């Protein structure tokens, strides 16, 4: 359902980053909500995460989440 990349530091065998997004074949299954005649649909979703290793510490340094939205309404 998702496509992406995992970044690994070979010297210390730790994950330094992850990027993934909804695979194109899965996009039609994203959430869609209708409220009071307005329909809101997600068109894509992606996530980017970065980690940092400093001495004995390994911690999260960045999280980015992106959504594409389509909003439509009925003509009155």
PDB file of N, CA and C in Angstrom:
ATOM      1  N   UNK A   1       0.810  -1.200   0.000  1.00  0.00           N
ATOM      2  CA  UNK A   1       0.000   0.000   0.000  1.00  0.00           C
ATOM      3  C   UNK A   1       0.860   1.274   0.000  1.00  0.00           C
ATOM      4  N   UNK A   2       2.129   1.170   0.410  1.00  0.00           N
ATOM      5  CA  UNK A   2       3.016   2.328   0.451  1.00  0.00           C
ATOM      6  C   UNK A   2       4.267   2.075  -0.380  1.00  0.00           C
ATOM      7  N   UNK A   3       4.903   3.143  -0.834  1.00  0.00           N
ATOM      8  CA  UNK A   3       6.177   3.069  -1.543  1.00  0.00           C
ATOM      9  C   UNK A   3       7.128   4.041  -0.871  1.00  0.00           C
ATOM     10  N   UNK A   4       8.414   3.685  -0.769  1.00  0.00           N
ATOM     11  CA  UNK A   4       9.326   4.615  -0.134  1.00  0.00           C
ATOM     12  C   UNK A   4      10.749   4.120  -0.056  1.00  0.00           C
ATOM     13  N   UNK A   5      11.533   4.812   0.797  1.00  0.00           N
ATOM     14  CA  UNK A   5      12.948   4.516   0.977  1.00  0.00           C
ATOM     15  C   UNK A   5      13.282   4.508   2.462  1.00  0.00           C
ATOM     16  N   UNK A   6      14.252   3.677   2.828  1.00  0.00           N
ATOM     17  CA  UNK A   6      14.808   3.673   4.181  1.00  0.00           C
ATOM     18  C   UNK A   6      16.290   3.978   4.036  1.00  0.00           C
ATOM     19  N   UNK A   7      16.794   4.960   4.801  1.00  0.00           N
ATOM     20  CA  UNK A   7      18.201   5.345   4.756  1.00  0.00           C
ATOM     21  C   UNK A   7      18.907   4.745   5.966  1.00  0.00           C
ATOM     22  N   UNK A   8      20.002   3.998   5.707  1.00  0.00           N
ATOM     23  CA  UNK A   8      20.727   3.311   6.774  1.00  0.00           C
ATOM     24  C   UNK A   8      22.192   3.726   6.738  1.00  0.00           C
ATOM     25  N   UNK A   9      22.741   4.059   7.897  1.00  0.00           N
ATOM     26  CA  UNK A   9      24.164   4.347   8.038  1.00  0.00           C
ATOM     27  C   UNK A   9      24.889   3.013   8.184  1.00  0.00           C
ATOM     28  N   UNK A  10      25.658   2.616   7.169  1.00  0.00           N
ATOM     29  CA  UNK A  10      26.339   1.316   7.159  1.00  0.00           C
ATOM     30  C   UNK A  10      27.355   1.161   8.287  1.00  0.00           C
ATOM     31  N   UNK A  11      28.022   2.255   8.661  1.00  0.00           N
ATOM     32  CA  UNK A  11      29.062   2.168   9.686  1.00  0.00           C
ATOM     33  C   UNK A  11      28.516   1.793  11.054  1.00  0.00           C
ATOM     34  N   UNK A  12      27.351   2.305  11.387  1.00  0.00           N
ATOM     35  CA  UNK A  12      26.789   2.041  12.721  1.00  0.00           C
ATOM     36  C   UNK A  12      25.510   1.206  12.667  1.00  0.00           C
ATOM     37  N   UNK A  13      25.084   0.822  11.459  1.00  0.00           N
ATOM     38  CA  UNK A  13      23.892  -0.019  11.253  1.00  0.00           C
ATOM     39  C   UNK A  13      22.634   0.554  11.912  1.00  0.00           C
ATOM     40  N   UNK A  14      22.407   1.848  11.710  1.00  0.00           N
ATOM     41  CA  UNK A  14      21.212   2.496  12.240  1.00  0.00           C
ATOM     42  C   UNK A  14      20.443   3.173  11.112  1.00  0.00           C
ATOM     43  N   UNK A  15      19.140   3.216  11.269  1.00  0.00           N
ATOM     44  CA  UNK A  15      18.281   3.925  10.316  1.00  0.00           C
ATOM     45  C   UNK A  15      18.442   5.425  10.557  1.00  0.00           C
ATOM     46  N   UNK A  16      18.745   6.176   9.491  1.00  0.00           N
ATOM     47  CA  UNK A  16      18.897   7.629   9.620  1.00  0.00           C
ATOM     48  C   UNK A  16      17.738   8.386   8.994  1.00  0.00           C
ATOM     49  N   UNK A  17      16.917   7.704   8.204  1.00  0.00           N
ATOM     50  CA  UNK A  17      15.778   8.379   7.596  1.00  0.00           C
ATOM     51  C   UNK A  17      14.824   7.420   6.921  1.00  0.00           C
ATOM     52  N   UNK A  18      13.580   7.877   6.815  1.00  0.00           N
ATOM     53  CA  UNK A  18      12.533   7.105   6.149  1.00  0.00           C
ATOM     54  C   UNK A  18      11.680   8.092   5.357  1.00  0.00           C
ATOM     55  N   UNK A  19      11.420   7.766   4.106  1.00  0.00           N
ATOM     56  CA  UNK A  19      10.488   8.529   3.273  1.00  0.00           C
ATOM     57  C   UNK A  19       9.494   7.541   2.698  1.00  0.00           C
ATOM     58  N   UNK A  20       8.205   7.820   2.832  1.00  0.00           N
ATOM     59  CA  UNK A  20       7.229   6.953   2.187  1.00  0.00           C
ATOM     60  C   UNK A  20       5.978   7.731   1.818  1.00  0.00           C
ATOM     61  N   UNK A  21       5.291   7.209   0.842  1.00  0.00           N
ATOM     62  CA  UNK A  21       4.041   7.821   0.399  1.00  0.00           C
ATOM     63  C   UNK A  21       3.094   6.710  -0.031  1.00  0.00           C
ATOM     64  N   UNK A  22       1.847   7.077  -0.174  1.00  0.00           N
ATOM     65  CA  UNK A  22       0.842   6.116  -0.619  1.00  0.00           C
ATOM     66  C   UNK A  22       1.187   5.712  -2.048  1.00  0.00           C
ATOM     67  N   UNK A  23       1.257   4.422  -2.302  1.00  0.00           N
ATOM     68  CA  UNK A  23       1.533   3.928  -3.651  1.00  0.00           C
ATOM     69  C   UNK A  23       0.385   4.332  -4.573  1.00  0.00           C
ATOM     70  N   UNK A  24       0.688   4.669  -5.828  1.00  0.00           N
ATOM     71  CA  UNK A  24      -0.382   5.108  -6.751  1.00  0.00           C
ATOM     72  C   UNK A  24      -1.563   4.150  -6.839  1.00  0.00           C
ATOM     73  N   UNK A  25      -1.310   2.859  -6.765  1.00  0.00           N
ATOM     74  CA  UNK A  25      -2.401   1.894  -6.856  1.00  0.00           C
ATOM     75  C   UNK A  25      -3.332   1.983  -5.639  1.00  0.00           C
ATOM     76  N   UNK A  26      -2.840   2.507  -4.519  1.00  0.00           N
ATOM     77  CA  UNK A  26      -3.634   2.602  -3.284  1.00  0.00           C
ATOM     78  C   UNK A  26      -4.365   3.925  -3.137  1.00  0.00           C
ATOM     79  N   UNK A  27      -4.027   4.925  -3.934  1.00  0.00           N
ATOM     80  CA  UNK A  27      -4.619   6.257  -3.793  1.00  0.00           C
ATOM     81  C   UNK A  27      -6.150   6.259  -3.802  1.00  0.00           C
ATOM     82  N   UNK A  28      -6.838   5.444  -4.622  1.00  0.00           N
ATOM     83  CA  UNK A  28      -8.301   5.467  -4.600  1.00  0.00           C
ATOM     84  C   UNK A  28      -8.906   5.043  -3.253  1.00  0.00           C
ATOM     85  N   UNK A  29      -8.127   4.416  -2.374  1.00  0.00           N
ATOM     86  CA  UNK A  29      -8.653   3.945  -1.090  1.00  0.00           C
ATOM     87  C   UNK A  29      -8.435   4.927   0.056  1.00  0.00           C
ATOM     88  N   UNK A  30      -7.893   6.118  -0.230  1.00  0.00           N
ATOM     89  CA  UNK A  30      -7.718   7.116   0.817  1.00  0.00           C
ATOM     90  C   UNK A  30      -9.080   7.609   1.303  1.00  0.00           C
ATOM     91  N   UNK A  31      -9.100   8.178   2.497  1.00  0.00           N
ATOM     92  CA  UNK A  31     -10.350   8.627   3.136  1.00  0.00           C
ATOM     93  C   UNK A  31     -11.080   9.697   2.338  1.00  0.00           C
ATOM     94  N   UNK A  32     -12.387   9.625   2.400  1.00  0.00           N
ATOM     95  CA  UNK A  32     -13.271  10.616   1.813  1.00  0.00           C
ATOM     96  C   UNK A  32     -14.412  10.847   2.799  1.00  0.00           C
ATOM     97  N   UNK A  33     -14.730  12.131   3.069  1.00  0.00           N
ATOM     98  CA  UNK A  33     -15.759  12.464   4.055  1.00  0.00           C
ATOM     99  C   UNK A  33     -16.737  13.459   3.440  1.00  0.00           C
ATOM    100  N   UNK A  34     -18.041  13.252   3.644  1.00  0.00           N
ATOM    101  CA  UNK A  34     -19.058  14.195   3.181  1.00  0.00           C
ATOM    102  C   UNK A  34     -19.767  14.795   4.395  1.00  0.00           C
ATOM    103  N   UNK A  35     -19.794  16.135   4.451  1.00  0.00           N
ATOM    104  CA  UNK A  35     -20.455  16.842   5.553  1.00  0.00           C
ATOM    105  C   UNK A  35     -21.226  18.024   4.965  1.00  0.00           C
ATOM    106  N   UNK A  36     -22.525  18.078   5.193  1.00  0.00           N
ATOM    107  CA  UNK A  36     -23.386  19.176   4.755  1.00  0.00           C
ATOM    108  C   UNK A  36     -23.198  19.526   3.276  1.00  0.00           C
ATOM    109  N   UNK A  37     -23.115  18.518   2.433  1.00  0.00           N
ATOM    110  CA  UNK A  37     -23.014  18.747   1.001  1.00  0.00           C
ATOM    111  C   UNK A  37     -21.615  19.051   0.496  1.00  0.00           C
ATOM    112  N   UNK A  38     -20.635  19.039   1.367  1.00  0.00           N
ATOM    113  CA  UNK A  38     -19.248  19.262   0.957  1.00  0.00           C
ATOM    114  C   UNK A  38     -18.504  17.942   1.085  1.00  0.00           C
ATOM    115  N   UNK A  39     -17.793  17.576   0.041  1.00  0.00           N
ATOM    116  CA  UNK A  39     -17.027  16.335   0.056  1.00  0.00           C
ATOM    117  C   UNK A  39     -15.536  16.673   0.113  1.00  0.00           C
ATOM    118  N   UNK A  40     -14.832  16.094   1.076  1.00  0.00           N
ATOM    119  CA  UNK A  40     -13.395  16.292   1.244  1.00  0.00           C
ATOM    120  C   UNK A  40     -12.720  14.942   1.053  1.00  0.00           C
ATOM    121  N   UNK A  41     -11.777  14.892   0.113  1.00  0.00           N
ATOM    122  CA  UNK A  41     -11.070  13.651  -0.187  1.00  0.00           C
ATOM    123  C   UNK A  41      -9.564  13.877  -0.120  1.00  0.00           C
ATOM    124  N   UNK A  42      -8.841  12.890   0.394  1.00  0.00           N
ATOM    125  CA  UNK A  42      -7.380  12.929   0.370  1.00  0.00           C
ATOM    126  C   UNK A  42      -6.936  12.401  -0.989  1.00  0.00           C
ATOM    127  N   UNK A  43      -6.019  13.129  -1.656  1.00  0.00           N
ATOM    128  CA  UNK A  43      -5.522  12.691  -2.964  1.00  0.00           C
ATOM    129  C   UNK A  43      -4.151  12.027  -2.851  1.00  0.00           C
ATOM    130  N   UNK A  44      -3.377  12.382  -1.823  1.00  0.00           N
ATOM    131  CA  UNK A  44      -2.113  11.709  -1.557  1.00  0.00           C
ATOM    132  C   UNK A  44      -1.709  11.949  -0.110  1.00  0.00           C
ATOM    133  N   UNK A  45      -0.772  11.132   0.368  1.00  0.00           N
ATOM    134  CA  UNK A  45      -0.239  11.290   1.729  1.00  0.00           C
ATOM    135  C   UNK A  45       1.213  10.829   1.702  1.00  0.00           C
ATOM    136  N   UNK A  46       2.113  11.623   2.291  1.00  0.00           N
ATOM    137  CA  UNK A  46       3.514  11.224   2.365  1.00  0.00           C
ATOM    138  C   UNK A  46       4.103  11.639   3.709  1.00  0.00           C
ATOM    139  N   UNK A  47       5.126  10.904   4.131  1.00  0.00           N
ATOM    140  CA  UNK A  47       5.775  11.153   5.417  1.00  0.00           C
ATOM    141  C   UNK A  47       7.286  11.097   5.209  1.00  0.00           C
ATOM    142  N   UNK A  48       7.998  12.000   5.878  1.00  0.00           N
ATOM    143  CA  UNK A  48       9.454  12.001   5.869  1.00  0.00           C
ATOM    144  C   UNK A  48       9.922  12.089   7.320  1.00  0.00           C
ATOM    145  N   UNK A  49      10.812  11.177   7.722  1.00  0.00           N
ATOM    146  CA  UNK A  49      11.302  11.117   9.104  1.00  0.00           C
ATOM    147  C   UNK A  49      12.822  11.046   9.072  1.00  0.00           C
ATOM    148  N   UNK A  50      13.494  11.800   9.952  1.00  0.00           N
ATOM    149  CA  UNK A  50      14.951  11.770  10.049  1.00  0.00           C
ATOM    150  C   UNK A  50      15.374  11.536  11.496  1.00  0.00           C
ATOM    151  N   UNK A  51      16.439  10.744  11.649  1.00  0.00           N
ATOM    152  CA  UNK A  51      17.017  10.438  12.952  1.00  0.00           C
ATOM    153  C   UNK A  51      18.468  10.879  12.968  1.00  0.00           C
ATOM    154  N   UNK A  52      18.999  11.137  14.167  1.00  0.00           N
ATOM    155  CA  UNK A  52      20.393  11.533  14.309  1.00  0.00           C
ATOM    156  C   UNK A  52      21.045  10.683  15.389  1.00  0.00           C
ATOM    157  N   UNK A  53      22.286  10.288  15.111  1.00  0.00           N
ATOM    158  CA  UNK A  53      23.074   9.520  16.076  1.00  0.00           C
ATOM    159  C   UNK A  53      24.182  10.430  16.573  1.00  0.00           C
ATOM    160  N   UNK A  54      24.264  10.612  17.885  1.00  0.00           N
ATOM    161  CA  UNK A  54      25.281  11.473  18.488  1.00  0.00           C
ATOM    162  C   UNK A  54      25.828  10.775  19.724  1.00  0.00           C
ATOM    163  N   UNK A  55      27.020  10.203  19.617  1.00  0.00           N
ATOM    164  CA  UNK A  55      27.576   9.435  20.728  1.00  0.00           C
ATOM    165  C   UNK A  55      26.732   8.207  20.988  1.00  0.00           C
ATOM    166  N   UNK A  56      26.207   8.085  22.199  1.00  0.00           N
ATOM    167  CA  UNK A  56      25.334   6.961  22.545  1.00  0.00           C
ATOM    168  C   UNK A  56      23.860   7.286  22.341  1.00  0.00           C
ATOM    169  N   UNK A  57      23.567   8.513  21.896  1.00  0.00           N
ATOM    170  CA  UNK A  57      22.177   8.935  21.711  1.00  0.00           C
ATOM    171  C   UNK A  57      21.722   8.746  20.270  1.00  0.00           C
ATOM    172  N   UNK A  58      20.466   8.370  20.128  1.00  0.00           N
ATOM    173  CA  UNK A  58      19.827   8.157  18.826  1.00  0.00           C
ATOM    174  C   UNK A  58      18.444   8.764  18.951  1.00  0.00           C
ATOM    175  N   UNK A  59      18.197   9.876  18.243  1.00  0.00           N
ATOM    176  CA  UNK A  59      16.927  10.553  18.475  1.00  0.00           C
ATOM    177  C   UNK A  59      16.324  11.096  17.187  1.00  0.00           C
ATOM    178  N   UNK A  60      15.025  11.303  17.245  1.00  0.00           N
ATOM    179  CA  UNK A  60      14.247  11.834  16.135  1.00  0.00           C
ATOM    180  C   UNK A  60      14.546  13.320  15.983  1.00  0.00           C
ATOM    181  N   UNK A  61      14.885  13.756  14.754  1.00  0.00           N
ATOM    182  CA  UNK A  61      15.183  15.172  14.535  1.00  0.00           C
ATOM    183  C   UNK A  61      14.175  15.882  13.639  1.00  0.00           C
ATOM    184  N   UNK A  62      13.426  15.132  12.829  1.00  0.00           N
ATOM    185  CA  UNK A  62      12.493  15.774  11.900  1.00  0.00           C
ATOM    186  C   UNK A  62      11.372  14.816  11.517  1.00  0.00           C
ATOM    187  N   UNK A  63      10.147  15.348  11.464  1.00  0.00           N
ATOM    188  CA  UNK A  63       9.002  14.608  10.929  1.00  0.00           C
ATOM    189  C   UNK A  63       8.230  15.572  10.032  1.00  0.00           C
ATOM    190  N   UNK A  64       8.030  15.183   8.792  1.00  0.00           N
ATOM    191  CA  UNK A  64       7.243  15.984   7.864  1.00  0.00           C
ATOM    192  C   UNK A  64       6.110  15.133   7.313  1.00  0.00           C
ATOM    193  N   UNK A  65       4.893  15.654   7.382  1.00  0.00           N
ATOM    194  CA  UNK A  65       3.720  14.932   6.881  1.00  0.00           C
ATOM    195  C   UNK A  65       3.011  15.835   5.881  1.00  0.00           C
ATOM    196  N   UNK A  66       2.736  15.312   4.711  1.00  0.00           N
ATOM    197  CA  UNK A  66       2.061  16.079   3.659  1.00  0.00           C
ATOM    198  C   UNK A  66       0.800  15.357   3.208  1.00  0.00           C
ATOM    199  N   UNK A  67      -0.245  16.147   2.985  1.00  0.00           N
ATOM    200  CA  UNK A  67      -1.503  15.604   2.479  1.00  0.00           C
ATOM    201  C   UNK A  67      -1.939  16.456   1.296  1.00  0.00           C
ATOM    202  N   UNK A  68      -2.511  15.812   0.307  1.00  0.00           N
ATOM    203  CA  UNK A  68      -3.165  16.532  -0.780  1.00  0.00           C
ATOM    204  C   UNK A  68      -4.660  16.366  -0.573  1.00  0.00           C
ATOM    205  N   UNK A  69      -5.408  17.453  -0.691  1.00  0.00           N
ATOM    206  CA  UNK A  69      -6.845  17.399  -0.433  1.00  0.00           C
ATOM    207  C   UNK A  69      -7.626  17.918  -1.638  1.00  0.00           C
ATOM    208  N   UNK A  70      -8.791  17.325  -1.837  1.00  0.00           N
ATOM    209  CA  UNK A  70      -9.718  17.778  -2.872  1.00  0.00           C
ATOM    210  C   UNK A  70     -11.039  18.106  -2.161  1.00  0.00           C
ATOM    211  N   UNK A  71     -11.494  19.333  -2.304  1.00  0.00           N
ATOM    212  CA  UNK A  71     -12.746  19.752  -1.658  1.00  0.00           C
ATOM    213  C   UNK A  71     -13.739  20.118  -2.753  1.00  0.00           C
ATOM    214  N   UNK A  72     -14.929  19.538  -2.700  1.00  0.00           N
ATOM    215  CA  UNK A  72     -15.958  19.851  -3.698  1.00  0.00           C
ATOM    216  C   UNK A  72     -17.300  19.987  -3.007  1.00  0.00           C
ATOM    217  N   UNK A  73     -18.209  20.743  -3.617  1.00  0.00           N
ATOM    218  CA  UNK A  73     -19.535  20.954  -3.035  1.00  0.00           C
ATOM    219  C   UNK A  73     -20.603  20.890  -4.106  1.00  0.00           C
ATOM    220  N   UNK A  74     -21.839  20.786  -3.648  1.00  0.00           N
ATOM    221  CA  UNK A  74     -22.974  20.764  -4.561  1.00  0.00           C
ATOM    222  C   UNK A  74     -23.342  22.195  -4.946  1.00  0.00           C
ATOM    223  N   UNK A  75     -23.761  22.368  -6.194  1.00  0.00           N
ATOM    224  CA  UNK A  75     -24.267  23.673  -6.613  1.00  0.00           C
ATOM    225  C   UNK A  75     -25.698  23.818  -6.096  1.00  0.00           C
ATOM    226  N   UNK A  76     -26.012  24.995  -5.576  1.00  0.00           N
ATOM    227  CA  UNK A  76     -27.344  25.240  -5.015  1.00  0.00           C
ATOM    228  C   UNK A  76     -28.139  26.113  -5.944  1.00  0.00           C
TER     229      UNK A  76
END
